[in-house]
C-alpha atoms as a PDB file:
ATOM      1  CA  MET A   1     178.163  -3.463  11.195  1.00  0.00           C
ATOM      2  CA  HIS A   2     177.249  -0.635  13.832  1.00  0.00           C
ATOM      3  CA  PRO A   3     178.598  -1.272  17.463  1.00  0.00           C
ATOM      4  CA  ALA A   4     175.301  -1.750  18.202  1.00  0.00           C
ATOM      5  CA  ASP A   5     174.446  -4.202  16.245  1.00  0.00           C
ATOM      6  CA  VAL A   6     177.488  -6.263  16.951  1.00  0.00           C
ATOM      7  CA  ILE A   7     176.106  -5.903  20.476  1.00  0.00           C
ATOM      8  CA  ALA A   8     172.684  -6.913  20.198  1.00  0.00           C
ATOM      9  CA  ALA A   9     173.644  -9.992  17.790  1.00  0.00           C
ATOM     10  CA  LEU A  10     176.076 -11.236  20.556  1.00  0.00           C
ATOM     11  CA  ARG A  11     173.589 -10.860  23.267  1.00  0.00           C
ATOM     12  CA  LYS A  12     171.061 -12.597  20.877  1.00  0.00           C
ATOM     13  CA  ARG A  13     173.476 -15.522  21.191  1.00  0.00           C
ATOM     14  CA  GLY A  14     173.935 -15.602  25.134  1.00  0.00           C
ATOM     15  CA  THR A  15     177.436 -13.873  25.017  1.00  0.00           C
ATOM     16  CA  SER A  16     178.968 -10.674  25.497  1.00  0.00           C
ATOM     17  CA  LEU A  17     182.547  -9.055  24.544  1.00  0.00           C
ATOM     18  CA  ARG A  18     183.070  -9.626  28.313  1.00  0.00           C
ATOM     19  CA  LYS A  19     182.822 -13.188  28.143  1.00  0.00           C
ATOM     20  CA  ILE A  20     184.472 -13.926  24.964  1.00  0.00           C
ATOM     21  CA  ALA A  21     187.728 -11.821  26.205  1.00  0.00           C
ATOM     22  CA  HIS A  22     187.398 -13.719  29.323  1.00  0.00           C
ATOM     23  CA  ASP A  23     187.300 -17.094  27.694  1.00  0.00           C
ATOM     24  CA  ASN A  24     189.910 -16.380  25.440  1.00  0.00           C
ATOM     25  CA  GLY A  25     192.465 -14.542  28.246  1.00  0.00           C
ATOM     26  CA  TYR A  26     191.910 -11.070  27.383  1.00  0.00           C
ATOM     27  CA  SER A  27     190.963  -8.717  29.982  1.00  0.00           C
ATOM     28  CA  HIS A  28     188.715  -6.644  27.475  1.00  0.00           C
ATOM     29  CA  ILE A  29     188.025  -6.089  23.930  1.00  0.00           C
ATOM     30  CA  GLN A  30     185.592  -3.346  23.205  1.00  0.00           C
ATOM     31  CA  ARG A  31     188.055  -1.443  21.479  1.00  0.00           C
ATOM     32  CA  VAL A  32     187.512  -3.909  18.755  1.00  0.00           C
ATOM     33  CA  LEU A  33     183.855  -2.205  17.891  1.00  0.00           C
ATOM     34  CA  THR A  34     185.778   1.082  16.883  1.00  0.00           C
ATOM     35  CA  SER A  35     188.957   0.055  15.316  1.00  0.00           C
ATOM     36  CA  PRO A  36     190.831  -2.547  13.929  1.00  0.00           C
ATOM     37  CA  TRP A  37     192.181  -5.393  16.106  1.00  0.00           C
ATOM     38  CA  LEU A  38     192.876  -8.596  13.949  1.00  0.00           C
ATOM     39  CA  ALA A  39     192.528 -11.198  16.473  1.00  0.00           C
ATOM     40  CA  ALA A  40     189.364  -9.538  18.664  1.00  0.00           C
ATOM     41  CA  GLU A  41     188.049  -9.618  15.182  1.00  0.00           C
ATOM     42  CA  GLN A  42     188.666 -13.169  14.541  1.00  0.00           C
ATOM     43  CA  LEU A  43     187.224 -13.764  17.993  1.00  0.00           C
ATOM     44  CA  VAL A  44     183.746 -11.875  17.704  1.00  0.00           C
ATOM     45  CA  ALA A  45     183.007 -13.280  14.033  1.00  0.00           C
ATOM     46  CA  LYS A  46     183.570 -16.953  15.606  1.00  0.00           C
ATOM     47  CA  ALA A  47     180.759 -16.016  18.465  1.00  0.00           C
ATOM     48  CA  LEU A  48     178.436 -14.977  15.391  1.00  0.00           C
ATOM     49  CA  ASP A  49     179.080 -17.701  13.251  1.00  0.00           C
ATOM     50  CA  THR A  50     180.261 -15.770  10.565  1.00  0.00           C
ATOM     51  CA  THR A  51     183.467 -13.495   9.219  1.00  0.00           C
ATOM     52  CA  PRO A  52     185.238 -10.521  10.039  1.00  0.00           C
ATOM     53  CA  GLN A  53     184.629  -9.154   6.897  1.00  0.00           C
ATOM     54  CA  VAL A  54     180.987  -9.273   6.740  1.00  0.00           C
ATOM     55  CA  LEU A  55     181.170  -7.558  10.074  1.00  0.00           C
ATOM     56  CA  TRP A  56     183.688  -4.781   9.367  1.00  0.00           C
ATOM     57  CA  PRO A  57     183.488  -4.570   5.548  1.00  0.00           C
ATOM     58  CA  SER A  58     185.295  -1.316   5.299  1.00  0.00           C
ATOM     59  CA  ARG A  59     188.528  -2.600   7.732  1.00  0.00           C
ATOM     60  CA  TYR A  60     188.873  -5.239   4.637  1.00  0.00           C
ATOM     61  CA  ARG A  61     188.166  -2.876   1.650  1.00  0.00           C
ATOM     62  CA  ASP A  62     192.255  -1.502   1.472  1.00  0.00           C
ATOM     63  CA  PRO A  63     194.388  -4.358   1.647  1.00  0.00           C
ATOM     64  CA  ALA A  64     197.172  -1.310   2.597  1.00  0.00           C
ATOM     65  CA  ALA A  65     195.216  -0.349   5.716  1.00  0.00           C
ATOM     66  CA  ARG A  66     194.258  -4.321   6.557  1.00  0.00           C
ATOM     67  CA  ALA A  67     198.180  -4.613   6.382  1.00  0.00           C
ATOM     68  CA  LEU A  68     198.747  -1.589   8.802  1.00  0.00           C
ATOM     69  CA  ALA A  69     196.192  -3.293  11.342  1.00  0.00           C
ATOM     70  CA  PHE A  70     198.344  -6.482  11.093  1.00  0.00           C
ATOM     71  CA  ARG A  71     201.648  -4.894  11.800  1.00  0.00           C
ATOM     72  CA  GLN A  72     199.967  -2.977  14.735  1.00  0.00           C
ATOM     73  CA  THR A  73     198.452  -5.889  16.078  1.00  0.00           C
ATOM     74  CA  ARG A  74     201.521  -7.635  15.890  1.00  0.00           C
ATOM     75  CA  LYS A  75     203.618  -5.280  18.023  1.00  0.00           C
ATOM     76  CA  ILE A  76     201.250  -5.409  20.848  1.00  0.00           C
ATOM     77  CA  ALA A  77     201.902  -8.778  21.548  1.00  0.00           C
ATOM     78  CA  VAL A  78     203.058  -9.644  24.737  1.00  0.00           C
ATOM     79  CA  THR A  79     205.798 -12.181  25.711  1.00  0.00           C
ATOM     80  CA  MET A  80     206.241 -13.084  29.046  1.00  0.00           C
ATOM     81  CA  PRO A  81     209.985 -13.781  30.618  1.00  0.00           C
ATOM     82  CA  SER A  82     211.294 -17.102  31.079  1.00  0.00           C
ATOM     83  CA  THR A  83     211.726 -18.117  35.199  1.00  0.00           C
ATOM     84  CA  ARG A  84     215.736 -17.927  34.513  1.00  0.00           C
ATOM     85  CA  ASP A  85     215.432 -13.650  33.022  1.00  0.00           C
ATOM     86  CA  ARG A  86     213.288 -12.934  36.164  1.00  0.00           C
ATOM     87  CA  ILE A  87     214.847 -10.405  38.394  1.00  0.00           C
ATOM     88  CA  ALA A  88     215.260 -11.672  42.218  1.00  0.00           C
ATOM     89  CA  VAL A  89     213.237  -9.614  44.547  1.00  0.00           C
ATOM     90  CA  PRO A  90     214.684  -7.765  47.127  1.00  0.00           C
ATOM     91  CA  GLY A  91     214.393  -9.743  50.318  1.00  0.00           C
ATOM     92  CA  THR A  92     213.937 -12.760  48.919  1.00  0.00           C
ATOM     93  CA  PRO A  93     215.479 -15.681  50.161  1.00  0.00           C
ATOM     94  CA  ALA A  94     218.922 -16.436  47.967  1.00  0.00           C
ATOM     95  CA  ASP A  95     217.772 -20.473  47.390  1.00  0.00           C
ATOM     96  CA  ALA A  96     214.435 -19.096  45.943  1.00  0.00           C
ATOM     97  CA  ARG A  97     216.393 -16.843  43.396  1.00  0.00           C
ATOM     98  CA  PRO A  98     217.180 -18.283  40.001  1.00  0.00           C
ATOM     99  CA  ASP A  99     220.374 -19.254  39.226  1.00  0.00           C
ATOM    100  CA  ASN A 100     221.467 -16.007  37.437  1.00  0.00           C
ATOM    101  CA  THR A 101     220.901 -13.836  40.256  1.00  0.00           C
ATOM    102  CA  ARG A 102     222.741 -15.292  43.089  1.00  0.00           C
ATOM    103  CA  LYS A 103     225.458 -13.446  44.705  1.00  0.00           C
ATOM    104  CA  PRO A 104     228.440 -15.270  45.603  1.00  0.00           C
END
């Protein structure tokens, strides 16, 4: 599907890429219109009550290319450090620092 068609279909349903991104914890997902992004493709397809294969059939023709896109999406995943792994900020009171950063 052409990027303009996807945007138009979303507008007809009263939503947008920005709203979908915001509702799902992303800052933006416009990149999905021009390049493979597994998670964003699924979000847009869900908003349009269809599947990613219908919206972007060329992305799903070659299983090897789709596997590569999936691996690249997995590499982008961000994990937040736990509070115990945070580094103390200089000037923070000692009792506010996590246990592993206290100075003797």
